[in-house]
Structures are given as structure tokens and as C-alpha cells.
């Protein structure tokens, strides 16, 4: 048995879809699966057991046990060969799942849970967990095109290197191709050193484009050597990053991004592009924090 995959459940339809995805990921990794429910005490007093005036199957404890048992059975049906355990932990969902992520290689959650408001496209737990988890977080949303490639946003930053490695491994595990997408504009690309000091920026757009192509190739080189069986498409887009990745997600099996990229501000845990994708991507999104996430 390999590592451990965690899936958070709350009884919602979204979390059951996440359970199926987590079971598949555990099977591909030869990992165990742990189904985790974070139990919050109600704001008003309520009996944990059944009420004397109600049915014997009533009460908060029985309700939690039923939803967790349903999730476990869902996981076993999706991947019968996977070892499945479960845990009910008292605490707020983000705190519980962040703690669980310390021992996991992947945490899986649905895009919205029981606490979601109509009209919101992603739950607050998913967004905050992507920023705080100690391992990659897979947010199951949209539609995963089973034959679609893994799409990874590449910006050449040290923080994004682990996202690239994760994307290569996902493509390898799922037997799909990888699209390495790098989007740039004249506003977010660093100016290359001028060839001729007398004419520093005679053709800046062309020079910038060539520099960005070199950046993409350099960011992928070592990963391609480690995963030679993964077919990689280098895709350059001259335009805004979030729009390019959202468009690519329409036909992808998975979209992978780093928590923060080249334009991130020190102190921010989740970049604007990552947040936008969690809200608007058309397929599942994996957010990978850079080095130091497990500390």
C-alpha cells in the first residue's frame, strides 16, 4: 500500500461526487482512502442521540454515522480494491482537513457543500483549503473529460514548479496527454535584456514572445526527462492567464495550477488566478502549493 488520499464529506451531492473521484485517485496511486467528516456542534442545544419522542434512528450522531457510511459505500463501489477507512473529527471543516492533509498526498473536496449558498460557484472551504492545505488539493467541479488532457498553467516561477511535477504525474497516472499552457502579455512578462543597447526595445513584442517560449521550455525540461512517456503539448497564449486557462478547461480532464504565481504578492496564500479558476473552470481543479507547504 502506498500513501493516503483524504476526502472531505458532508452529506451533500457534491461531496459524494468528490468521494468517487478520490477513490479513483487512491486506486491509481495504490493508496489508502480516508473519508473524513468534520462535526460542528450546533449553535443551539441538541441531543446527540435520538429524542425520547422521536424515532430510534434520529439524532445528530445517527445522522452523521449514516452520511459517513453512505460515503464509505460510495467509495467502495467506485474502487472496490481500495482500502477505505473513515473518521469523524470534531471541529471546523477547514481546520480538520488542513490537519488531515499533513499526512496525505492528496485531499479531495467537492466544489460546494451543505453550507453553500445558491448562486455561489465554489464553497469557502474549498477555496480556503486550497490556500492552507499541506498537500495538493483537488476540487471536483464542472465536468472531467475522461479522454481530455491534464492542463497545467506554467509561469516559470519556483513556486509553480511543484504544480508542473504534479501535473506530469497526474497525466502519467491517468494515461493522458499534458498541455503545458503559458499565457503572457506585455504587462506581465519581464523585459528581456536588449540585444543592441542603442535600440533597447526596437521590437519588444517579438523579443518578449521568444523570451516567454524559452521560459516555458526551461520550466518543463527536467519534468519531461522524469516522465518520458507523457506526451506534452507546449501551448503559448498571448493574452490574460485566467481567461486562457478557463477556455482550456472546457476540454480538459483536469486543470492544475500553483497556489501563487509569478505575479503573487508576498503574504498572499492564494493568487487571483487560482481563485478565479476555482470559481469558473469547467473541469476539476488541482491547486498545488510550492515548497514549504508541509512545514
Protein backbone atom coordinates (compact mmCIF):
# COMPACT_ATOMS: atom_id res chain seq x y z
CA UNK A 1 0.00 0.00 0.00
CA UNK A 2 1.26 3.44 -0.91
CA UNK A 3 0.23 6.78 0.54
CA UNK A 4 -3.03 8.26 1.71
CA UNK A 5 -5.79 10.19 -0.03
CA UNK A 6 -8.24 12.19 2.09
CA UNK A 7 -11.75 13.13 1.02
CA UNK A 8 -13.96 15.52 2.95
CA UNK A 9 -17.66 14.67 3.13
CA UNK A 10 -20.68 16.49 4.50
CA UNK A 11 -23.63 14.57 3.08
CA UNK A 12 -24.06 16.81 0.04
CA UNK A 13 -24.30 15.56 -3.53
CA UNK A 14 -21.11 17.47 -4.28
CA UNK A 15 -19.16 15.59 -1.62
CA UNK A 16 -20.34 12.20 -2.94
CA UNK A 17 -19.03 13.13 -6.38
CA UNK A 18 -15.77 14.03 -4.66
CA UNK A 19 -15.74 10.60 -2.97
CA UNK A 20 -15.89 8.87 -6.35
CA UNK A 21 -13.02 11.00 -7.68
CA UNK A 22 -10.97 10.40 -4.53
CA UNK A 23 -11.50 6.63 -4.76
CA UNK A 24 -10.24 6.64 -8.35
CA UNK A 25 -7.20 8.70 -7.37
CA UNK A 26 -6.42 6.33 -4.49
CA UNK A 27 -6.67 3.32 -6.81
CA UNK A 28 -4.28 4.85 -9.36
CA UNK A 29 -1.79 5.70 -6.59
CA UNK A 30 -2.16 2.32 -4.85
CA UNK A 31 -3.03 4.43 -1.82
CA UNK A 32 -5.48 4.09 1.05
CA UNK A 33 -8.54 6.34 1.21
CA UNK A 34 -9.81 8.05 4.35
CA UNK A 35 -13.33 9.51 4.40
CA UNK A 36 -13.39 12.45 6.82
CA UNK A 37 -16.36 14.32 8.26
CA UNK A 38 -15.85 17.45 10.35
CA UNK A 39 -18.51 17.60 13.04
CA UNK A 40 -19.55 21.01 14.31
CA UNK A 41 -21.64 21.29 17.45
CA UNK A 42 -24.91 23.05 16.67
CA UNK A 43 -25.37 26.66 17.78
CA UNK A 44 -28.41 25.64 19.85
CA UNK A 45 -28.52 22.70 22.26
CA UNK A 46 -29.44 19.46 20.51
CA UNK A 47 -29.25 15.84 21.67
CA UNK A 48 -26.55 13.69 20.10
CA UNK A 49 -28.73 10.62 20.43
CA UNK A 50 -32.35 10.10 19.37
CA UNK A 51 -35.05 12.10 21.09
CA UNK A 52 -37.28 10.16 23.51
CA UNK A 53 -40.23 11.35 21.43
CA UNK A 54 -38.66 10.60 18.05
CA UNK A 55 -37.66 7.52 16.05
CA UNK A 56 -34.71 5.43 17.31
CA UNK A 57 -32.68 6.31 14.20
CA UNK A 58 -32.95 10.03 14.90
CA UNK A 59 -30.40 12.37 16.48
CA UNK A 60 -27.20 14.03 15.31
CA UNK A 61 -24.96 11.05 16.00
CA UNK A 62 -27.05 8.70 13.88
CA UNK A 63 -27.30 11.27 11.10
CA UNK A 64 -23.51 11.66 10.94
CA UNK A 65 -22.96 7.90 11.05
CA UNK A 66 -25.40 7.44 8.16
CA UNK A 67 -23.81 10.06 5.92
CA UNK A 68 -20.31 8.73 6.57
CA UNK A 69 -21.42 5.13 5.98
CA UNK A 70 -23.03 6.20 2.70
CA UNK A 71 -19.80 7.90 1.62
CA UNK A 72 -17.72 4.83 2.50
CA UNK A 73 -20.03 2.55 0.49
CA UNK A 74 -19.85 5.03 -2.38
CA UNK A 75 -16.06 4.82 -2.31
CA UNK A 76 -16.02 1.03 -2.19
CA UNK A 77 -18.39 0.84 -5.14
CA UNK A 78 -16.19 3.20 -7.18
CA UNK A 79 -12.93 1.39 -6.35
CA UNK A 80 -13.50 -1.98 -4.61
CA UNK A 81 -9.78 -2.73 -4.35
CA UNK A 82 -9.01 0.40 -2.32
CA UNK A 83 -8.65 0.19 1.47
CA UNK A 84 -11.22 2.65 2.88
CA UNK A 85 -11.31 4.00 6.43
CA UNK A 86 -13.29 6.83 7.95
CA UNK A 87 -13.04 9.42 10.70
CA UNK A 88 -15.49 11.82 12.33
CA UNK A 89 -13.50 14.69 13.83
CA UNK A 90 -14.95 17.47 15.96
CA UNK A 91 -14.04 20.84 14.53
CA UNK A 92 -14.49 23.35 11.74
CA UNK A 93 -14.06 21.72 8.28
CA UNK A 94 -11.09 23.82 7.16
CA UNK A 95 -9.18 23.19 10.41
CA UNK A 96 -9.94 19.47 10.34
CA UNK A 97 -8.98 18.95 6.70
CA UNK A 98 -5.84 21.08 6.99
CA UNK A 99 -4.71 18.87 9.88
CA UNK A 100 -5.57 15.71 7.94
CA UNK A 101 -3.61 16.96 4.92
CA UNK A 102 -0.34 16.80 6.88
CA UNK A 103 -0.24 13.02 6.44
CA UNK A 104 -1.78 12.86 2.95
CA UNK A 105 -0.52 13.08 -0.62
CA UNK A 106 -3.84 14.48 -1.86
CA UNK A 107 -7.01 15.99 -0.37
CA UNK A 108 -10.22 15.90 -2.41
CA UNK A 109 -13.29 18.05 -1.79
CA UNK A 110 -16.43 18.98 -3.66
CA UNK A 111 -16.87 22.47 -5.02
CA UNK A 112 -19.83 23.19 -2.77
CA UNK A 113 -21.18 21.62 0.39
CA UNK A 114 -24.23 21.68 2.62
CA UNK A 115 -23.36 25.23 3.67
CA UNK A 116 -23.23 26.57 0.11
CA UNK A 117 -25.46 29.47 -0.85
CA UNK A 118 -27.45 29.33 -4.07
CA UNK A 119 -25.55 31.27 -6.73
CA UNK A 120 -22.07 30.70 -5.30
CA UNK A 121 -19.94 28.62 -7.65
CA UNK A 122 -17.49 27.26 -5.11
CA UNK A 123 -17.65 26.81 -1.37
CA UNK A 124 -15.49 28.74 1.06
CA UNK A 125 -13.99 25.52 2.46
CA UNK A 126 -12.63 24.57 -0.98
CA UNK A 127 -11.06 27.99 -1.53
CA UNK A 128 -9.50 28.27 1.92
CA UNK A 129 -8.31 24.66 1.94
CA UNK A 130 -6.50 25.24 -1.36
CA UNK A 131 -4.63 28.06 0.36
CA UNK A 132 -3.79 26.25 3.61
CA UNK A 133 -3.52 22.50 2.94
CA UNK A 134 -0.13 20.83 3.35
CA UNK A 135 -0.55 18.79 0.15
CA UNK A 136 -2.22 19.29 -3.25
CA UNK A 137 -5.98 19.86 -3.16
CA UNK A 138 -8.30 18.53 -5.84
CA UNK A 139 -11.58 20.46 -6.07
CA UNK A 140 -14.13 18.43 -8.00
CA UNK A 141 -16.22 20.79 -10.10
CA UNK A 142 -17.52 21.03 -13.64
CA UNK A 143 -17.13 18.02 -15.92
CA UNK A 144 -13.98 15.95 -16.19
CA UNK A 145 -13.47 14.88 -19.80
CA UNK A 146 -12.07 11.39 -19.28
CA UNK A 147 -10.14 11.45 -22.56
CA UNK A 148 -9.12 15.08 -22.15
CA UNK A 149 -5.58 16.10 -21.26
CA UNK A 150 -4.25 17.41 -18.00
CA UNK A 151 -3.76 21.15 -18.46
CA UNK A 152 -1.17 22.88 -16.30
CA UNK A 153 -0.62 26.60 -16.07
CA UNK A 154 3.11 27.29 -16.32
CA UNK A 155 4.59 30.64 -15.34
CA UNK A 156 8.21 29.69 -14.73
CA UNK A 157 8.16 30.66 -11.05
CA UNK A 158 9.86 28.48 -8.43
CA UNK A 159 6.52 28.25 -6.62
CA UNK A 160 4.91 26.77 -9.72
CA UNK A 161 7.49 24.02 -10.22
CA UNK A 162 5.70 21.58 -7.92
CA UNK A 163 2.44 22.18 -9.79
CA UNK A 164 4.20 21.18 -13.02
CA UNK A 165 5.56 17.99 -11.44
CA UNK A 166 2.12 17.15 -10.03
CA UNK A 167 0.55 17.66 -13.48
CA UNK A 168 3.08 15.34 -15.13
CA UNK A 169 2.37 12.66 -12.54
CA UNK A 170 -1.40 13.02 -12.98
CA UNK A 171 -1.06 12.64 -16.74
CA UNK A 172 1.13 9.58 -16.21
CA UNK A 173 -1.29 8.01 -13.72
CA UNK A 174 -4.35 8.63 -15.90
CA UNK A 175 -2.63 7.74 -19.19
CA UNK A 176 -3.44 11.07 -20.83
CA UNK A 177 -1.52 13.81 -22.57
CA UNK A 178 -0.38 17.02 -20.91
CA UNK A 179 -0.96 20.55 -22.16
CA UNK A 180 1.57 22.96 -20.68
CA UNK A 181 -0.05 26.34 -21.14
CA UNK A 182 1.85 29.57 -20.70
CA UNK A 183 -0.06 32.83 -21.14
CA UNK A 184 1.70 36.16 -21.27
CA UNK A 185 1.10 39.79 -22.07
CA UNK A 186 3.41 42.76 -22.39
CA UNK A 187 2.25 43.72 -18.89
CA UNK A 188 3.14 40.55 -17.01
CA UNK A 189 6.27 39.44 -18.90
CA UNK A 190 9.68 40.63 -17.73
CA UNK A 191 11.55 42.65 -20.35
CA UNK A 192 14.44 40.71 -21.92
CA UNK A 193 17.91 42.17 -21.99
CA UNK A 194 18.30 44.35 -25.10
CA UNK A 195 20.39 42.92 -27.94
CA UNK A 196 21.53 46.35 -29.05
CA UNK A 197 21.87 48.99 -26.30
CA UNK A 198 21.36 51.74 -28.84
CA UNK A 199 17.90 50.37 -29.70
CA UNK A 200 16.76 48.74 -26.47
CA UNK A 201 13.22 47.82 -27.43
CA UNK A 202 13.05 48.05 -31.23
CA UNK A 203 10.70 45.06 -31.45
CA UNK A 204 9.52 44.32 -27.89
CA UNK A 205 6.56 42.06 -28.73
CA UNK A 206 8.69 39.65 -30.76
CA UNK A 207 11.51 39.72 -28.22
CA UNK A 208 9.09 39.12 -25.36
CA UNK A 209 7.45 36.22 -27.17
CA UNK A 210 10.77 34.49 -27.75
CA UNK A 211 11.76 35.01 -24.11
CA UNK A 212 8.47 33.52 -22.91
CA UNK A 213 8.87 30.49 -25.16
CA UNK A 214 12.30 29.89 -23.66
CA UNK A 215 10.80 30.23 -20.19
CA UNK A 216 8.19 27.55 -20.93
CA UNK A 217 10.76 25.13 -22.36
CA UNK A 218 13.06 25.64 -19.39
CA UNK A 219 10.22 25.11 -16.90
CA UNK A 220 9.34 21.74 -18.46
CA UNK A 221 12.77 20.32 -19.31
CA UNK A 222 13.55 18.39 -16.15
CA UNK A 223 9.99 17.13 -15.76
CA UNK A 224 9.87 15.76 -19.30
CA UNK A 225 13.05 13.81 -18.60
CA UNK A 226 11.50 12.26 -15.49
CA UNK A 227 8.25 11.39 -17.29
CA UNK A 228 9.32 10.42 -20.82
CA UNK A 229 6.08 8.57 -21.60
CA UNK A 230 3.88 11.66 -21.18
CA UNK A 231 3.05 13.36 -24.46
CA UNK A 232 3.40 17.11 -23.91
CA UNK A 233 1.94 19.97 -25.92
CA UNK A 234 3.59 23.36 -25.43
CA UNK A 235 0.83 25.95 -25.76
CA UNK A 236 1.70 29.64 -25.86
CA UNK A 237 -1.14 32.14 -25.47
CA UNK A 238 -0.66 35.87 -25.91
CA UNK A 239 -3.37 37.03 -23.55
CA UNK A 240 -4.58 37.04 -19.92
CA UNK A 241 -3.75 33.91 -17.95
CA UNK A 242 -7.07 33.25 -16.27
CA UNK A 243 -9.10 33.56 -19.48
CA UNK A 244 -6.69 31.24 -21.32
CA UNK A 245 -6.86 28.57 -18.60
CA UNK A 246 -10.63 28.78 -18.24
CA UNK A 247 -11.00 28.30 -22.00
CA UNK A 248 -8.59 25.34 -21.95
CA UNK A 249 -10.58 23.75 -19.12
CA UNK A 250 -13.57 23.22 -21.45
CA UNK A 251 -11.98 20.09 -22.91
CA UNK A 252 -9.62 19.08 -20.09
CA UNK A 253 -9.74 16.19 -17.69
CA UNK A 254 -8.02 18.23 -15.01
CA UNK A 255 -6.66 21.75 -14.62
CA UNK A 256 -3.55 22.15 -12.43
CA UNK A 257 -2.21 25.44 -11.08
CA UNK A 258 0.12 26.62 -8.38
CA UNK A 259 -1.35 28.41 -5.39
CA UNK A 260 0.55 31.54 -6.33
CA UNK A 261 2.40 32.52 -9.46
CA UNK A 262 4.96 34.92 -10.79
CA UNK A 263 2.83 37.97 -10.07
CA UNK A 264 1.93 36.97 -6.49
CA UNK A 265 2.35 39.40 -3.64
CA UNK A 266 4.35 38.30 -0.61
CA UNK A 267 2.00 37.19 2.16
CA UNK A 268 -0.89 36.10 -0.06
CA UNK A 269 -1.64 32.40 0.21
CA UNK A 270 -3.79 32.02 -2.91
CA UNK A 271 -3.33 34.01 -6.09
CA UNK A 272 -6.07 35.71 -8.06
CA UNK A 273 -5.69 33.31 -11.00
CA UNK A 274 -6.07 30.24 -8.75
CA UNK A 275 -9.15 31.72 -7.10
CA UNK A 276 -10.70 32.57 -10.47
CA UNK A 277 -10.21 29.01 -11.70
CA UNK A 278 -11.77 27.52 -8.57
CA UNK A 279 -14.85 29.61 -9.31
CA UNK A 280 -15.08 29.41 -13.10
CA UNK A 281 -13.19 26.41 -14.53
CA UNK A 282 -15.24 23.88 -16.50
CA UNK A 283 -13.44 20.83 -15.08
CA UNK A 284 -11.88 19.72 -11.76
CA UNK A 285 -9.06 21.93 -10.49
CA UNK A 286 -5.98 20.88 -8.54
CA UNK A 287 -4.16 23.60 -6.59
CA UNK A 288 -0.58 22.82 -5.60
CA UNK A 289 1.29 24.89 -3.07
CA UNK A 290 5.03 25.31 -3.52
CA UNK A 291 7.97 24.24 -1.39
CA UNK A 292 7.39 24.68 2.32
CA UNK A 293 3.68 23.83 2.23
CA UNK A 294 4.21 20.90 4.63
CA UNK A 295 6.10 22.94 7.21
